[in-house]
Amino acid sequence: MTTPAFGLNYDYRCPFARNVHNHVIAAQRAGANFTIAFEPYTLSQGHIEPGNPPAWEDPAYDGDLLSLEASLAVRDLLPGQFLDAHEAFFAARHERFIPLRSREEVGGVLESVGIDPAVIFAHVDRGAPRAEIAETWLRRHDRDEVFGVPTFFVGTSAVFIRLMDGPNGDGAHSAATIERLVSLIADHGEINEFKHTKLDR
């Protein structure tokens, strides 16, 4: 069975986005052949009061957007290195507790996976990554009513899914996890909400 093409959004600040994306990374490295579009989503925009400038137009939020912008630059300029950078950004934020708000912090992560920060920041400074952040947020928020990360996009469906655990070291298990989630979205649109009332942990 072929897994349908899907999109998946992210903001490096979200631990649940990390869980899902690390499953995707583990699955891809184990040979899964997903057709996937990685989409930026800034959590900052959801907390801005109506009437105030959006995050992508307000310099006060430059630090919040920087790692997203850098990751999009890697995705577009160096797609073969995107998964390494993507994983490293999540690890820096959630294992080493690096805020990823400065060029020094973001550049250090890029260098750790063999990417020249100057090349990436030059692309960021040209503005295309920030324009994509704005366009994607507006489109997904207005059309699909997306409210957070991680949200899967399968066909015309947008579904927020929160996984409590990341990969267990078995890439085949991660592949099966993602395949199951995407298939559930694609094949069972009648399910609107499925949530455990409590967690046994």
Protein backbone atom coordinates (compact mmCIF):
# COMPACT_ATOMS: atom_id res chain seq x y z
CA MET A 1 0.00 0.00 0.00
CA THR A 2 1.33 3.43 -0.97
CA THR A 3 1.09 6.13 1.65
CA PRO A 4 -0.71 9.19 0.24
CA ALA A 5 1.29 12.36 -0.22
CA PHE A 6 0.96 14.62 2.79
CA GLY A 7 2.08 17.89 4.28
CA LEU A 8 3.23 18.45 7.85
CA ASN A 9 3.79 21.75 9.60
CA TYR A 10 6.24 22.62 12.34
CA ASP A 11 7.58 25.18 14.77
CA TYR A 12 10.76 24.11 16.56
CA ARG A 13 9.39 25.28 19.90
CA CYS A 14 6.74 22.55 20.06
CA PRO A 15 7.76 19.23 21.68
CA PHE A 16 4.87 17.41 19.99
CA ALA A 17 6.01 18.64 16.59
CA ARG A 18 9.39 17.22 17.49
CA ASN A 19 7.91 13.80 18.24
CA VAL A 20 6.08 13.55 14.92
CA HIS A 21 8.87 15.01 12.80
CA ASN A 22 11.47 12.76 14.38
CA HIS A 23 9.28 9.79 13.45
CA VAL A 24 9.22 11.07 9.87
CA ILE A 25 12.99 11.53 9.88
CA ALA A 26 13.60 8.05 11.31
CA ALA A 27 11.22 6.54 8.78
CA GLN A 28 12.83 8.31 5.83
CA ARG A 29 16.28 7.22 6.93
CA ALA A 30 15.02 3.64 7.20
CA GLY A 31 13.91 3.73 3.59
CA ALA A 32 10.34 5.01 3.73
CA ASN A 33 9.51 6.81 0.52
CA PHE A 34 7.06 9.42 1.75
CA THR A 35 6.03 12.26 -0.51
CA ILE A 36 5.94 15.01 2.09
CA ALA A 37 5.83 18.80 2.11
CA PHE A 38 7.34 20.40 5.21
CA GLU A 39 5.44 23.60 6.02
CA PRO A 40 6.38 26.38 8.44
CA TYR A 41 3.98 27.56 11.11
CA THR A 42 4.75 30.27 13.63
CA LEU A 43 3.13 29.79 17.01
CA SER A 44 3.82 33.45 17.75
CA GLN A 45 1.16 34.64 15.33
CA GLY A 46 -1.57 32.85 17.24
CA HIS A 47 -0.88 35.02 20.30
CA ILE A 48 -0.93 38.42 18.61
CA GLU A 49 -3.88 40.64 19.46
CA PRO A 50 -6.16 41.73 16.60
CA GLY A 51 -5.08 45.02 15.13
CA ASN A 52 -1.39 44.53 15.87
CA PRO A 53 1.13 43.88 13.09
CA PRO A 54 1.58 40.19 12.21
CA ALA A 55 4.69 38.43 13.48
CA TRP A 56 6.33 38.44 10.04
CA GLU A 57 6.07 42.25 9.87
CA ASP A 58 7.08 43.03 13.46
CA PRO A 59 10.84 43.14 14.19
CA ALA A 60 10.08 42.09 17.77
CA TYR A 61 9.43 38.59 16.44
CA ASP A 62 12.54 38.29 14.27
CA GLY A 63 14.10 35.88 16.76
CA ASP A 64 10.96 33.72 16.85
CA LEU A 65 11.04 33.28 13.08
CA LEU A 66 14.77 32.84 12.54
CA SER A 67 15.07 29.06 12.88
CA LEU A 68 12.00 28.58 10.66
CA GLU A 69 13.50 30.86 8.03
CA ALA A 70 16.84 29.06 8.18
CA SER A 71 15.21 25.64 7.88
CA LEU A 72 13.24 26.74 4.83
CA ALA A 73 16.45 28.01 3.26
CA VAL A 74 18.08 24.62 3.85
CA ARG A 75 15.02 22.83 2.47
CA ASP A 76 15.12 24.88 -0.72
CA LEU A 77 18.87 25.26 -1.28
CA LEU A 78 20.21 22.01 0.18
CA PRO A 79 17.33 19.52 0.20
CA GLY A 80 19.66 16.57 0.74
CA GLN A 81 20.69 18.06 4.09
CA PHE A 82 17.27 19.16 5.26
CA LEU A 83 16.50 16.15 7.46
CA ASP A 84 19.83 16.49 9.27
CA ALA A 85 19.27 20.19 9.91
CA HIS A 86 15.61 19.63 10.84
CA GLU A 87 16.52 17.01 13.43
CA ALA A 88 19.38 19.14 14.75
CA PHE A 89 17.14 22.17 15.26
CA PHE A 90 14.65 20.11 17.26
CA ALA A 91 17.45 18.56 19.31
CA ALA A 92 19.04 21.94 20.01
CA ARG A 93 15.75 23.36 21.23
CA HIS A 94 14.55 20.42 23.33
CA GLU A 95 17.70 18.61 24.44
CA ARG A 96 20.19 21.45 24.77
CA PHE A 97 17.55 24.13 25.49
CA ILE A 98 19.00 26.59 22.98
CA PRO A 99 16.38 29.29 22.22
CA LEU A 100 17.39 29.49 18.53
CA ARG A 101 16.67 33.22 18.52
CA SER A 102 20.04 34.53 17.34
CA ARG A 103 22.17 33.99 14.26
CA GLU A 104 24.93 32.69 16.49
CA GLU A 105 22.63 30.00 17.92
CA VAL A 106 21.05 29.04 14.61
CA GLY A 107 24.37 29.21 12.80
CA GLY A 108 25.94 26.87 15.34
CA VAL A 109 23.28 24.26 14.62
CA LEU A 110 23.82 24.61 10.89
CA GLU A 111 27.57 24.21 11.28
CA SER A 112 27.05 21.08 13.40
CA VAL A 113 25.54 19.35 10.36
CA GLY A 114 28.07 20.70 7.87
CA ILE A 115 26.10 23.63 6.47
CA ASP A 116 27.64 27.06 5.87
CA PRO A 117 25.49 29.55 7.81
CA ALA A 118 26.51 32.40 5.51
CA VAL A 119 24.83 30.72 2.55
CA ILE A 120 21.66 30.14 4.52
CA PHE A 121 21.46 33.59 6.07
CA ALA A 122 22.04 35.21 2.67
CA HIS A 123 18.91 33.41 1.43
CA VAL A 124 17.01 34.39 4.59
CA ASP A 125 17.97 38.02 4.02
CA ARG A 126 16.53 37.92 0.51
CA GLY A 127 13.12 37.44 2.14
CA ALA A 128 11.70 34.33 0.49
CA PRO A 129 11.50 32.22 3.69
CA ARG A 130 9.65 34.92 5.60
CA ALA A 131 7.27 35.46 2.70
CA GLU A 132 6.51 31.72 2.76
CA ILE A 133 5.88 31.80 6.51
CA ALA A 134 3.35 34.61 6.02
CA GLU A 135 1.65 33.05 2.99
CA THR A 136 1.42 29.59 4.53
CA TRP A 137 0.11 30.83 7.87
CA LEU A 138 -2.59 32.95 6.24
CA ARG A 139 -3.64 30.23 3.81
CA ARG A 140 -3.75 27.43 6.35
CA HIS A 141 -5.36 29.56 9.05
CA ASP A 142 -8.03 31.11 6.83
CA ARG A 143 -8.83 28.10 4.63
CA ASP A 144 -8.17 25.13 6.91
CA GLU A 145 -8.57 26.79 10.33
CA VAL A 146 -5.19 25.43 11.43
CA PHE A 147 -4.41 26.39 15.02
CA GLY A 148 -1.13 24.68 15.83
CA VAL A 149 1.53 22.10 15.21
CA PRO A 150 1.85 19.36 14.23
CA THR A 151 -0.93 19.40 11.66
CA PHE A 152 -1.05 16.85 8.85
CA PHE A 153 -2.43 17.84 5.44
CA VAL A 154 -3.81 14.94 3.40
CA GLY A 155 -5.90 15.79 0.35
CA THR A 156 -8.36 18.42 1.54
CA SER A 157 -8.09 17.39 5.20
CA ALA A 158 -6.07 19.15 7.88
CA VAL A 159 -5.71 17.20 11.12
CA PHE A 160 -3.86 18.15 14.30
CA ILE A 161 -2.27 15.07 15.88
CA ARG A 162 -0.40 14.95 19.18
CA LEU A 163 1.92 11.98 19.69
CA MET A 164 3.27 11.59 23.20
CA ASP A 165 6.40 9.65 22.20
CA GLY A 166 9.11 10.03 19.61
CA PRO A 167 10.99 7.27 17.77
CA ASN A 168 12.21 4.20 19.66
CA GLY A 169 15.22 3.55 17.44
CA ASP A 170 13.35 1.29 15.04
CA GLY A 171 12.88 3.09 11.72
CA ALA A 172 10.34 0.53 10.54
CA HIS A 173 8.22 1.28 13.62
CA SER A 174 8.37 5.00 12.85
CA ALA A 175 7.41 4.35 9.23
CA ALA A 176 4.43 2.27 10.34
CA THR A 177 3.40 4.98 12.80
CA ILE A 178 3.34 7.69 10.13
CA GLU A 179 1.69 5.41 7.56
CA ARG A 180 -1.04 4.58 10.07
CA LEU A 181 -1.72 8.23 10.87
CA VAL A 182 -1.82 9.34 7.24
CA SER A 183 -4.03 6.42 6.27
CA LEU A 184 -6.40 7.19 9.13
CA ILE A 185 -6.77 10.74 7.82
CA ALA A 186 -7.15 9.65 4.20
CA ASP A 187 -9.55 6.76 4.79
CA HIS A 188 -11.60 7.79 7.81
CA GLY A 189 -12.74 11.35 7.39
CA GLU A 190 -15.79 10.57 9.50
CA ILE A 191 -13.60 10.63 12.63
CA ASN A 192 -13.59 14.15 13.99
CA GLU A 193 -11.98 13.71 17.40
CA PHE A 194 -10.23 10.78 19.07
CA LYS A 195 -8.59 11.55 22.39
CA HIS A 196 -7.70 9.58 25.49
CA THR A 197 -9.32 11.04 28.57
CA LYS A 198 -6.16 10.32 30.57
CA LEU A 199 -2.66 9.07 30.03
CA ASP A 200 -1.27 6.08 31.89
CA ARG A 201 2.07 7.66 32.71
